[in-house]
Structure formats: structure tokens, C-alpha cells
C-alpha atoms as a PDB file:
ATOM      1  CA  MET A   1       0.000   0.000   0.000  1.00  0.00           C
ATOM      2  CA  VAL A   2       1.549   3.332  -1.029  1.00  0.00           C
ATOM      3  CA  PRO A   3       1.071   6.269   1.356  1.00  0.00           C
ATOM      4  CA  GLY A   4      -2.468   7.507   1.341  1.00  0.00           C
ATOM      5  CA  MET A   5      -5.730   7.335   3.203  1.00  0.00           C
ATOM      6  CA  GLU A   6      -7.489   4.031   3.698  1.00  0.00           C
ATOM      7  CA  PHE A   7     -11.152   4.265   4.580  1.00  0.00           C
ATOM      8  CA  PRO A   8     -11.735   2.758   8.053  1.00  0.00           C
ATOM      9  CA  ASP A   9     -14.525   0.534   6.708  1.00  0.00           C
ATOM     10  CA  PRO A  10     -15.495  -0.559   3.187  1.00  0.00           C
ATOM     11  CA  LEU A  11     -17.460   2.092   1.357  1.00  0.00           C
ATOM     12  CA  VAL A  12     -21.069   1.314   0.514  1.00  0.00           C
ATOM     13  CA  PRO A  13     -22.319   1.860  -3.072  1.00  0.00           C
ATOM     14  CA  ALA A  14     -25.473   3.934  -3.471  1.00  0.00           C
ATOM     15  CA  ARG A  15     -27.416   5.996  -6.002  1.00  0.00           C
ATOM     16  CA  LEU A  16     -27.731   9.758  -5.773  1.00  0.00           C
ATOM     17  CA  VAL A  17     -31.249  11.176  -5.682  1.00  0.00           C
ATOM     18  CA  ARG A  18     -30.284  14.825  -5.272  1.00  0.00           C
ATOM     19  CA  ARG A  19     -27.793  17.146  -3.599  1.00  0.00           C
ATOM     20  CA  TYR A  20     -29.227  20.213  -1.891  1.00  0.00           C
ATOM     21  CA  LYS A  21     -28.337  22.972   0.573  1.00  0.00           C
ATOM     22  CA  ARG A  22     -24.725  22.220  -0.407  1.00  0.00           C
ATOM     23  CA  PHE A  23     -24.077  19.841   2.482  1.00  0.00           C
ATOM     24  CA  LEU A  24     -26.978  17.398   2.134  1.00  0.00           C
ATOM     25  CA  ALA A  25     -27.682  14.589  -0.329  1.00  0.00           C
ATOM     26  CA  ASP A  26     -30.578  12.152  -0.550  1.00  0.00           C
ATOM     27  CA  VAL A  27     -29.306   8.735  -1.609  1.00  0.00           C
ATOM     28  CA  ILE A  28     -30.656   5.240  -2.201  1.00  0.00           C
ATOM     29  CA  LEU A  29     -28.872   2.479  -0.312  1.00  0.00           C
ATOM     30  CA  PRO A  30     -28.412  -1.010  -1.844  1.00  0.00           C
ATOM     31  CA  GLY A  31     -31.535  -2.298  -0.061  1.00  0.00           C
ATOM     32  CA  GLY A  32     -33.700   0.486  -1.490  1.00  0.00           C
ATOM     33  CA  GLU A  33     -33.839   2.684   1.626  1.00  0.00           C
ATOM     34  CA  VAL A  34     -33.610   6.420   0.977  1.00  0.00           C
ATOM     35  CA  VAL A  35     -31.448   8.271   3.523  1.00  0.00           C
ATOM     36  CA  THR A  36     -29.879  11.707   3.817  1.00  0.00           C
ATOM     37  CA  ALA A  37     -26.072  11.762   3.721  1.00  0.00           C
ATOM     38  CA  HIS A  38     -23.621  14.503   4.606  1.00  0.00           C
ATOM     39  CA  CYS A  39     -21.872  16.096   1.608  1.00  0.00           C
ATOM     40  CA  ALA A  40     -18.573  17.554   2.839  1.00  0.00           C
ATOM     41  CA  ASN A  41     -18.112  19.929  -0.068  1.00  0.00           C
ATOM     42  CA  PRO A  42     -18.996  23.641  -0.063  1.00  0.00           C
ATOM     43  CA  GLY A  43     -18.378  24.094  -3.805  1.00  0.00           C
ATOM     44  CA  ALA A  44     -20.666  23.953  -6.804  1.00  0.00           C
ATOM     45  CA  MET A  45     -19.622  20.359  -7.703  1.00  0.00           C
ATOM     46  CA  LEU A  46     -20.255  21.090 -11.373  1.00  0.00           C
ATOM     47  CA  GLY A  47     -20.877  17.860 -13.262  1.00  0.00           C
ATOM     48  CA  LEU A  48     -20.443  15.709 -10.159  1.00  0.00           C
ATOM     49  CA  ALA A  49     -23.993  15.440  -8.816  1.00  0.00           C
ATOM     50  CA  PRO A  50     -26.276  14.175 -11.603  1.00  0.00           C
ATOM     51  CA  PRO A  51     -29.370  12.375 -10.262  1.00  0.00           C
ATOM     52  CA  GLY A  52     -28.913   8.625 -10.526  1.00  0.00           C
ATOM     53  CA  ALA A  53     -25.111   8.763 -10.320  1.00  0.00           C
ATOM     54  CA  GLU A  54     -23.314   5.851  -8.694  1.00  0.00           C
ATOM     55  CA  ILE A  55     -21.743   7.115  -5.488  1.00  0.00           C
ATOM     56  CA  PHE A  56     -19.938   5.604  -2.503  1.00  0.00           C
ATOM     57  CA  LEU A  57     -20.685   6.319   1.147  1.00  0.00           C
ATOM     58  CA  SER A  58     -18.845   5.918   4.432  1.00  0.00           C
ATOM     59  CA  ARG A  59     -20.731   5.210   7.631  1.00  0.00           C
ATOM     60  CA  SER A  60     -19.767   6.917  10.867  1.00  0.00           C
ATOM     61  CA  ARG A  61     -18.815   4.750  13.826  1.00  0.00           C
ATOM     62  CA  ASN A  62     -20.326   7.388  16.125  1.00  0.00           C
ATOM     63  CA  PRO A  63     -23.909   6.292  16.946  1.00  0.00           C
ATOM     64  CA  ALA A  64     -24.759   9.804  18.142  1.00  0.00           C
ATOM     65  CA  ARG A  65     -23.962  11.503  14.867  1.00  0.00           C
ATOM     66  CA  LYS A  66     -27.030  13.103  13.287  1.00  0.00           C
ATOM     67  CA  LEU A  67     -26.216  11.907   9.749  1.00  0.00           C
ATOM     68  CA  ALA A  68     -24.664   8.459   9.827  1.00  0.00           C
ATOM     69  CA  TRP A  69     -23.669   8.448   6.155  1.00  0.00           C
ATOM     70  CA  SER A  70     -21.114  10.616   4.331  1.00  0.00           C
ATOM     71  CA  TRP A  71     -20.730  10.933   0.576  1.00  0.00           C
ATOM     72  CA  GLU A  72     -17.118  10.143  -0.397  1.00  0.00           C
ATOM     73  CA  LEU A  73     -16.864   9.267  -4.116  1.00  0.00           C
ATOM     74  CA  VAL A  74     -18.846   9.581  -7.335  1.00  0.00           C
ATOM     75  CA  ARG A  75     -18.341   7.624 -10.538  1.00  0.00           C
ATOM     76  CA  ILE A  76     -17.910   9.875 -13.564  1.00  0.00           C
ATOM     77  CA  GLY A  77     -17.319   8.009 -16.802  1.00  0.00           C
ATOM     78  CA  ASP A  78     -14.899   5.181 -16.139  1.00  0.00           C
ATOM     79  CA  GLY A  79     -13.320   6.726 -13.048  1.00  0.00           C
ATOM     80  CA  LEU A  80     -14.032   7.778  -9.484  1.00  0.00           C
ATOM     81  CA  VAL A  81     -13.835  11.319  -8.141  1.00  0.00           C
ATOM     82  CA  GLY A  82     -13.307  12.195  -4.484  1.00  0.00           C
ATOM     83  CA  ILE A  83     -15.723  14.895  -3.389  1.00  0.00           C
ATOM     84  CA  ASN A  84     -14.909  15.096   0.341  1.00  0.00           C
ATOM     85  CA  THR A  85     -12.912  18.298   0.861  1.00  0.00           C
ATOM     86  CA  ALA A  86     -11.887  17.196   4.370  1.00  0.00           C
ATOM     87  CA  HIS A  87      -9.360  14.696   2.971  1.00  0.00           C
ATOM     88  CA  PRO A  88      -6.753  16.639   0.926  1.00  0.00           C
ATOM     89  CA  ASN A  89      -4.781  18.072   3.861  1.00  0.00           C
ATOM     90  CA  GLY A  90      -4.280  14.631   5.372  1.00  0.00           C
ATOM     91  CA  LEU A  91      -3.472  13.109   2.007  1.00  0.00           C
ATOM     92  CA  VAL A  92      -0.786  15.710   1.334  1.00  0.00           C
ATOM     93  CA  GLU A  93       0.632  15.355   4.850  1.00  0.00           C
ATOM     94  CA  GLU A  94       1.005  11.586   4.427  1.00  0.00           C
ATOM     95  CA  ALA A  95       2.593  12.015   0.996  1.00  0.00           C
ATOM     96  CA  VAL A  96       5.085  14.597   2.275  1.00  0.00           C
ATOM     97  CA  ARG A  97       6.067  12.422   5.236  1.00  0.00           C
ATOM     98  CA  ALA A  98       6.598   9.478   2.877  1.00  0.00           C
ATOM     99  CA  GLY A  99       8.722  11.521   0.458  1.00  0.00           C
ATOM    100  CA  ARG A 100       6.258  11.227  -2.414  1.00  0.00           C
ATOM    101  CA  ILE A 101       6.225  14.988  -3.031  1.00  0.00           C
ATOM    102  CA  PRO A 102       9.926  15.651  -3.672  1.00  0.00           C
ATOM    103  CA  GLU A 103       9.380  19.399  -4.031  1.00  0.00           C
ATOM    104  CA  LEU A 104       8.459  19.477  -0.328  1.00  0.00           C
ATOM    105  CA  ALA A 105      11.110  17.053   0.936  1.00  0.00           C
ATOM    106  CA  GLY A 106      14.032  17.793   3.233  1.00  0.00           C
ATOM    107  CA  TYR A 107      12.331  19.454   6.189  1.00  0.00           C
ATOM    108  CA  GLY A 108      12.711  18.113   9.711  1.00  0.00           C
ATOM    109  CA  GLU A 109       9.303  19.146  11.061  1.00  0.00           C
ATOM    110  CA  LEU A 110       5.751  19.136   9.737  1.00  0.00           C
ATOM    111  CA  ARG A 111       2.858  20.785  11.561  1.00  0.00           C
ATOM    112  CA  ARG A 112      -0.819  21.156  10.643  1.00  0.00           C
ATOM    113  CA  GLU A 113      -3.213  24.078  11.083  1.00  0.00           C
ATOM    114  CA  VAL A 114      -0.685  26.615  12.404  1.00  0.00           C
ATOM    115  CA  LYS A 115      -1.937  30.171  12.953  1.00  0.00           C
ATOM    116  CA  TYR A 116      -0.456  32.785  10.625  1.00  0.00           C
ATOM    117  CA  GLY A 117      -1.354  35.895   8.662  1.00  0.00           C
ATOM    118  CA  ARG A 118      -4.605  37.685   9.386  1.00  0.00           C
ATOM    119  CA  ASN A 119      -6.484  35.270  11.591  1.00  0.00           C
ATOM    120  CA  SER A 120      -5.781  32.281   9.313  1.00  0.00           C
ATOM    121  CA  ARG A 121      -4.291  28.821   9.708  1.00  0.00           C
ATOM    122  CA  ILE A 122      -1.832  27.340   7.244  1.00  0.00           C
ATOM    123  CA  ASP A 123      -2.621  23.790   6.154  1.00  0.00           C
ATOM    124  CA  LEU A 124       0.969  22.551   6.463  1.00  0.00           C
ATOM    125  CA  LEU A 125       4.024  24.265   7.922  1.00  0.00           C
ATOM    126  CA  LEU A 126       7.393  22.683   7.117  1.00  0.00           C
ATOM    127  CA  ARG A 127      10.428  23.673   9.190  1.00  0.00           C
ATOM    128  CA  GLY A 128      13.989  22.675   9.965  1.00  0.00           C
ATOM    129  CA  ASN A 129      17.332  21.600   8.566  1.00  0.00           C
ATOM    130  CA  GLY A 130      18.545  25.175   8.203  1.00  0.00           C
ATOM    131  CA  ARG A 131      15.977  26.044   5.538  1.00  0.00           C
ATOM    132  CA  PRO A 132      13.428  28.874   5.429  1.00  0.00           C
ATOM    133  CA  ASP A 133      10.026  27.894   6.787  1.00  0.00           C
ATOM    134  CA  CYS A 134       7.699  26.582   4.068  1.00  0.00           C
ATOM    135  CA  TYR A 135       3.997  27.505   4.213  1.00  0.00           C
ATOM    136  CA  VAL A 136       1.815  25.105   2.195  1.00  0.00           C
ATOM    137  CA  GLU A 137      -1.817  25.851   1.397  1.00  0.00           C
ATOM    138  CA  VAL A 138      -3.766  22.868  -0.009  1.00  0.00           C
ATOM    139  CA  LYS A 139      -6.796  23.204  -2.273  1.00  0.00           C
ATOM    140  CA  ASN A 140      -9.108  20.387  -3.338  1.00  0.00           C
ATOM    141  CA  VAL A 141      -9.667  20.167  -7.107  1.00  0.00           C
ATOM    142  CA  HIS A 142     -12.349  18.072  -8.806  1.00  0.00           C
ATOM    143  CA  LEU A 143     -13.720  20.198 -11.642  1.00  0.00           C
ATOM    144  CA  LYS A 144     -13.160  18.860 -15.179  1.00  0.00           C
ATOM    145  CA  ARG A 145     -15.013  20.294 -18.183  1.00  0.00           C
ATOM    146  CA  ASP A 146     -14.119  17.955 -21.015  1.00  0.00           C
ATOM    147  CA  GLU A 147     -16.529  19.528 -23.487  1.00  0.00           C
ATOM    148  CA  ALA A 148     -14.397  22.683 -23.502  1.00  0.00           C
ATOM    149  CA  LEU A 149     -11.028  21.655 -22.062  1.00  0.00           C
ATOM    150  CA  PRO A 150     -10.418  17.885 -22.377  1.00  0.00           C
ATOM    151  CA  GLY A 151      -8.267  16.379 -19.666  1.00  0.00           C
ATOM    152  CA  LEU A 152      -7.892  19.616 -17.711  1.00  0.00           C
ATOM    153  CA  ALA A 153      -8.594  19.826 -13.976  1.00  0.00           C
ATOM    154  CA  GLU A 154      -9.646  23.301 -12.849  1.00  0.00           C
ATOM    155  CA  PHE A 155      -9.892  25.292  -9.633  1.00  0.00           C
ATOM    156  CA  PRO A 156     -12.127  26.764  -8.319  1.00  0.00           C
ATOM    157  CA  ASP A 157     -15.605  25.520  -9.244  1.00  0.00           C
ATOM    158  CA  SER A 158     -17.252  28.515  -7.542  1.00  0.00           C
ATOM    159  CA  VAL A 159     -16.189  31.966  -6.352  1.00  0.00           C
ATOM    160  CA  THR A 160     -13.791  31.734  -3.399  1.00  0.00           C
ATOM    161  CA  ALA A 161     -12.976  34.999  -1.674  1.00  0.00           C
ATOM    162  CA  ARG A 162     -11.335  32.965   1.082  1.00  0.00           C
ATOM    163  CA  GLY A 163      -9.000  31.379  -1.452  1.00  0.00           C
ATOM    164  CA  ALA A 164      -7.924  34.782  -2.751  1.00  0.00           C
ATOM    165  CA  LYS A 165      -7.254  35.902   0.829  1.00  0.00           C
ATOM    166  CA  HIS A 166      -4.960  32.910   1.348  1.00  0.00           C
ATOM    167  CA  LEU A 167      -2.926  33.898  -1.714  1.00  0.00           C
ATOM    168  CA  VAL A 168      -2.326  37.369  -0.256  1.00  0.00           C
ATOM    169  CA  GLU A 169      -1.197  35.833   3.018  1.00  0.00           C
ATOM    170  CA  LEU A 170       1.150  33.420   1.239  1.00  0.00           C
ATOM    171  CA  SER A 171       2.674  36.416  -0.573  1.00  0.00           C
ATOM    172  CA  ASP A 172       3.211  38.088   2.781  1.00  0.00           C
ATOM    173  CA  MET A 173       5.127  35.020   3.976  1.00  0.00           C
ATOM    174  CA  VAL A 174       7.436  35.238   0.952  1.00  0.00           C
ATOM    175  CA  ALA A 175       8.010  38.926   1.663  1.00  0.00           C
ATOM    176  CA  ALA A 176       8.994  37.962   5.215  1.00  0.00           C
ATOM    177  CA  GLY A 177      11.698  35.630   3.899  1.00  0.00           C
ATOM    178  CA  HIS A 178       9.838  32.316   3.974  1.00  0.00           C
ATOM    179  CA  ARG A 179       8.836  29.896   1.235  1.00  0.00           C
ATOM    180  CA  ALA A 180       5.154  29.623   0.252  1.00  0.00           C
ATOM    181  CA  VAL A 181       3.527  26.921  -1.880  1.00  0.00           C
ATOM    182  CA  MET A 182      -0.009  26.684  -3.238  1.00  0.00           C
ATOM    183  CA  LEU A 183      -0.710  22.970  -3.774  1.00  0.00           C
ATOM    184  CA  TYR A 184      -3.728  21.907  -5.848  1.00  0.00           C
ATOM    185  CA  LEU A 185      -4.690  18.303  -5.095  1.00  0.00           C
ATOM    186  CA  VAL A 186      -6.812  16.801  -7.871  1.00  0.00           C
ATOM    187  CA  GLN A 187      -9.060  14.115  -6.362  1.00  0.00           C
ATOM    188  CA  ARG A 188      -9.348  12.240  -9.644  1.00  0.00           C
ATOM    189  CA  SER A 189      -7.010  10.289 -11.914  1.00  0.00           C
ATOM    190  CA  ASP A 190      -8.267  11.247 -15.390  1.00  0.00           C
ATOM    191  CA  CYS A 191      -6.583  14.631 -15.783  1.00  0.00           C
ATOM    192  CA  ALA A 192      -3.419  15.512 -17.693  1.00  0.00           C
ATOM    193  CA  ALA A 193      -2.931  19.031 -16.306  1.00  0.00           C
ATOM    194  CA  CYS A 194      -4.378  21.553 -13.845  1.00  0.00           C
ATOM    195  CA  ALA A 195      -5.357  25.184 -14.386  1.00  0.00           C
ATOM    196  CA  ILE A 196      -7.344  28.059 -12.918  1.00  0.00           C
ATOM    197  CA  ALA A 197     -10.989  28.488 -13.950  1.00  0.00           C
ATOM    198  CA  GLY A 198     -10.705  32.208 -14.527  1.00  0.00           C
ATOM    199  CA  ASP A 199     -14.156  32.371 -16.105  1.00  0.00           C
ATOM    200  CA  ILE A 200     -15.678  31.132 -12.848  1.00  0.00           C
ATOM    201  CA  ASP A 201     -13.643  33.347 -10.496  1.00  0.00           C
ATOM    202  CA  PRO A 202     -11.672  36.088 -12.292  1.00  0.00           C
ATOM    203  CA  ALA A 203     -10.669  37.636  -8.964  1.00  0.00           C
ATOM    204  CA  TYR A 204      -9.002  34.401  -7.849  1.00  0.00           C
ATOM    205  CA  ALA A 205      -7.118  34.115 -11.152  1.00  0.00           C
ATOM    206  CA  LEU A 206      -5.891  37.683 -10.747  1.00  0.00           C
ATOM    207  CA  ALA A 207      -4.881  37.038  -7.127  1.00  0.00           C
ATOM    208  CA  LEU A 208      -2.882  33.967  -8.141  1.00  0.00           C
ATOM    209  CA  GLY A 209      -1.114  35.918 -10.879  1.00  0.00           C
ATOM    210  CA  ARG A 210      -0.077  38.500  -8.292  1.00  0.00           C
ATOM    211  CA  ALA A 211       0.998  35.785  -5.851  1.00  0.00           C
ATOM    212  CA  LEU A 212       3.194  34.171  -8.502  1.00  0.00           C
ATOM    213  CA  GLN A 213       4.841  37.518  -9.162  1.00  0.00           C
ATOM    214  CA  SER A 214       5.589  37.816  -5.449  1.00  0.00           C
ATOM    215  CA  GLY A 215       7.344  34.433  -5.391  1.00  0.00           C
ATOM    216  CA  VAL A 216       4.591  32.044  -4.319  1.00  0.00           C
ATOM    217  CA  GLU A 217       5.088  28.604  -5.914  1.00  0.00           C
ATOM    218  CA  THR A 218       2.435  26.258  -7.319  1.00  0.00           C
ATOM    219  CA  LEU A 219       2.263  22.476  -7.341  1.00  0.00           C
ATOM    220  CA  SER A 220      -0.459  20.135  -8.579  1.00  0.00           C
ATOM    221  CA  TYR A 221      -0.803  16.412  -7.936  1.00  0.00           C
ATOM    222  CA  SER A 222      -3.419  13.876  -8.994  1.00  0.00           C
ATOM    223  CA  CYS A 223      -4.770  10.950  -6.968  1.00  0.00           C
ATOM    224  CA  ILE A 224      -5.433   7.261  -7.394  1.00  0.00           C
ATOM    225  CA  ILE A 225      -8.938   6.588  -6.091  1.00  0.00           C
ATOM    226  CA  ASN A 226     -10.861   3.397  -5.355  1.00  0.00           C
ATOM    227  CA  PRO A 227     -13.467   2.379  -2.752  1.00  0.00           C
ATOM    228  CA  VAL A 228     -10.683   1.199  -0.436  1.00  0.00           C
ATOM    229  CA  ALA A 229      -8.316   4.167  -0.402  1.00  0.00           C
ATOM    230  CA  ILE A 230      -7.236   7.488  -1.892  1.00  0.00           C
ATOM    231  CA  GLU A 231      -3.541   7.970  -2.658  1.00  0.00           C
ATOM    232  CA  VAL A 232      -1.520  10.930  -3.912  1.00  0.00           C
ATOM    233  CA  ASP A 233      -0.200   9.823  -7.288  1.00  0.00           C
ATOM    234  CA  ARG A 234       1.799  12.023  -9.679  1.00  0.00           C
ATOM    235  CA  ARG A 235       2.635  15.621 -10.362  1.00  0.00           C
ATOM    236  CA  LEU A 236       0.548  17.344 -13.034  1.00  0.00           C
ATOM    237  CA  PRO A 237       1.668  20.260 -15.209  1.00  0.00           C
ATOM    238  CA  PHE A 238       0.132  23.477 -13.890  1.00  0.00           C
ATOM    239  CA  ARG A 239      -1.074  26.136 -16.308  1.00  0.00           C
ATOM    240  CA  ALA A 240      -0.663  29.397 -14.449  1.00  0.00           C
ATOM    241  CA  PRO A 241      -2.861  32.412 -15.231  1.00  0.00           C
ATOM    242  CA  PRO A 242      -1.231  35.457 -16.862  1.00  0.00           C
ATOM    243  CA  LEU A 243       0.915  37.436 -14.459  1.00  0.00           C
ATOM    244  CA  ALA A 244      -0.700  40.589 -13.143  1.00  0.00           C
ATOM    245  CA  SER A 245       0.412  43.761 -14.925  1.00  0.00           C
END
């Protein structure tokens, strides 16, 4: 097993009835029972929530939890897509610790959710071995619009003012003498490259262009996904937006 995240229990196949209020989804279990599952994804999930789609659910081991089921994966075409935005930080942490992201190797310490900037928390902070601190912000990517851009993963799938704020704070870390990396984790395995969906959020594209000018770095990695585990796989080429003028 390569480094990654194994689901604690086997995922259960189901059929999607509908997603609504962003965080809720009505689903049909194998026995025909209709239940409401938690959808841990605040984005638009464009193309990922068609009624009748085959999806995979995890069941909480906490009997007191209000919604026992959580939506984890959806089958799109011949592949699976991870829709749970709670997983990427842990996936990247495991991959860094295992040396599977060489661009982030060579640090002696890794910490999660460290306060920095203007009332924010960095996803991963890498320190040690006489190197500048490295601030790593992780974004979940699952948008793919093959009809217009075949094979291209895109971020974001909805307007993200919070994401633009993080880019400013990463730039501030570079100005203070640190290293800052924006890592886009594509929770799917059918993409050949990653880019910014500037038509969906022009302000984010502009903010990233400015961050790149300031010295912020970008990385993008895809995942191998099955109903047993999700694993960080390989680096994808990243198509940066035009630099701000």
C-alpha cells in the first residue's frame, strides 16, 4: 500500500437522488432505503452530482452523529472522483512524510493548522534543517469540463474569496523571507494538467497571478482513487494564469 488514506470501513455503493443545501444529499442504499447523507463539499460540484449517479458512502462509527452516512466518491465516466474536501490536507501530509512529493522534501518538522497571517491557519508548515520555513496551502480540485477543455482539472468551481485571501497571506510570507507553496490536489485520476478556472472566479485568477509575481510557488498532484483508499499519485503540469500587470 503506497502512502495515502485508507477508509476505516469498506465504502457502501449507493445511487444519488439529489444534492441540496450544499451539504446534504438524498441517496438510495443497496436495499432500497432512501437516507440523507452529509456532503462535505462547499463548492458547486459542477458535473459531479447528476441524479442517478453511482456514489460511494462511508458510515460513521459514532452512533450519536445526526447523519450516519457521508458521501465520499462519485463515478464519472470510467473513473471515481473524491468529493470530500476534508481529505486533501491529510493526504498531502502523508505524501510529504513518505517523500512522495519531492518538491516538499528535506524538512525536519511538519505541523498542521498553524496560525499565521490575518487570523488564518496554514494547512501545512514545514520547518527545519537550516531552511526557510515553508507555508503550504492545499486546495481540493475536482472540476473537469471535457466539453471545452479535455483532460484539464480546474480550480475553483465557484467563487472563493477565502482562497484569494490565502494567496495574499502566502505572498506576505514570501516577503517575510519564507517559502510559500499553493498545492492543488486533484481528487481524480483522469486529468493531464491543472489550471485556474478564470471564467468562474476572475478575482481568484488575478490574485494567483499576483501571488506568482511575489514568489509564491504552485504544485499540482493527482490521486489514485478506489473504494478502499485514496492515494496521492503524480505531479501534473500546472497552467498558471497570466501574471498581473
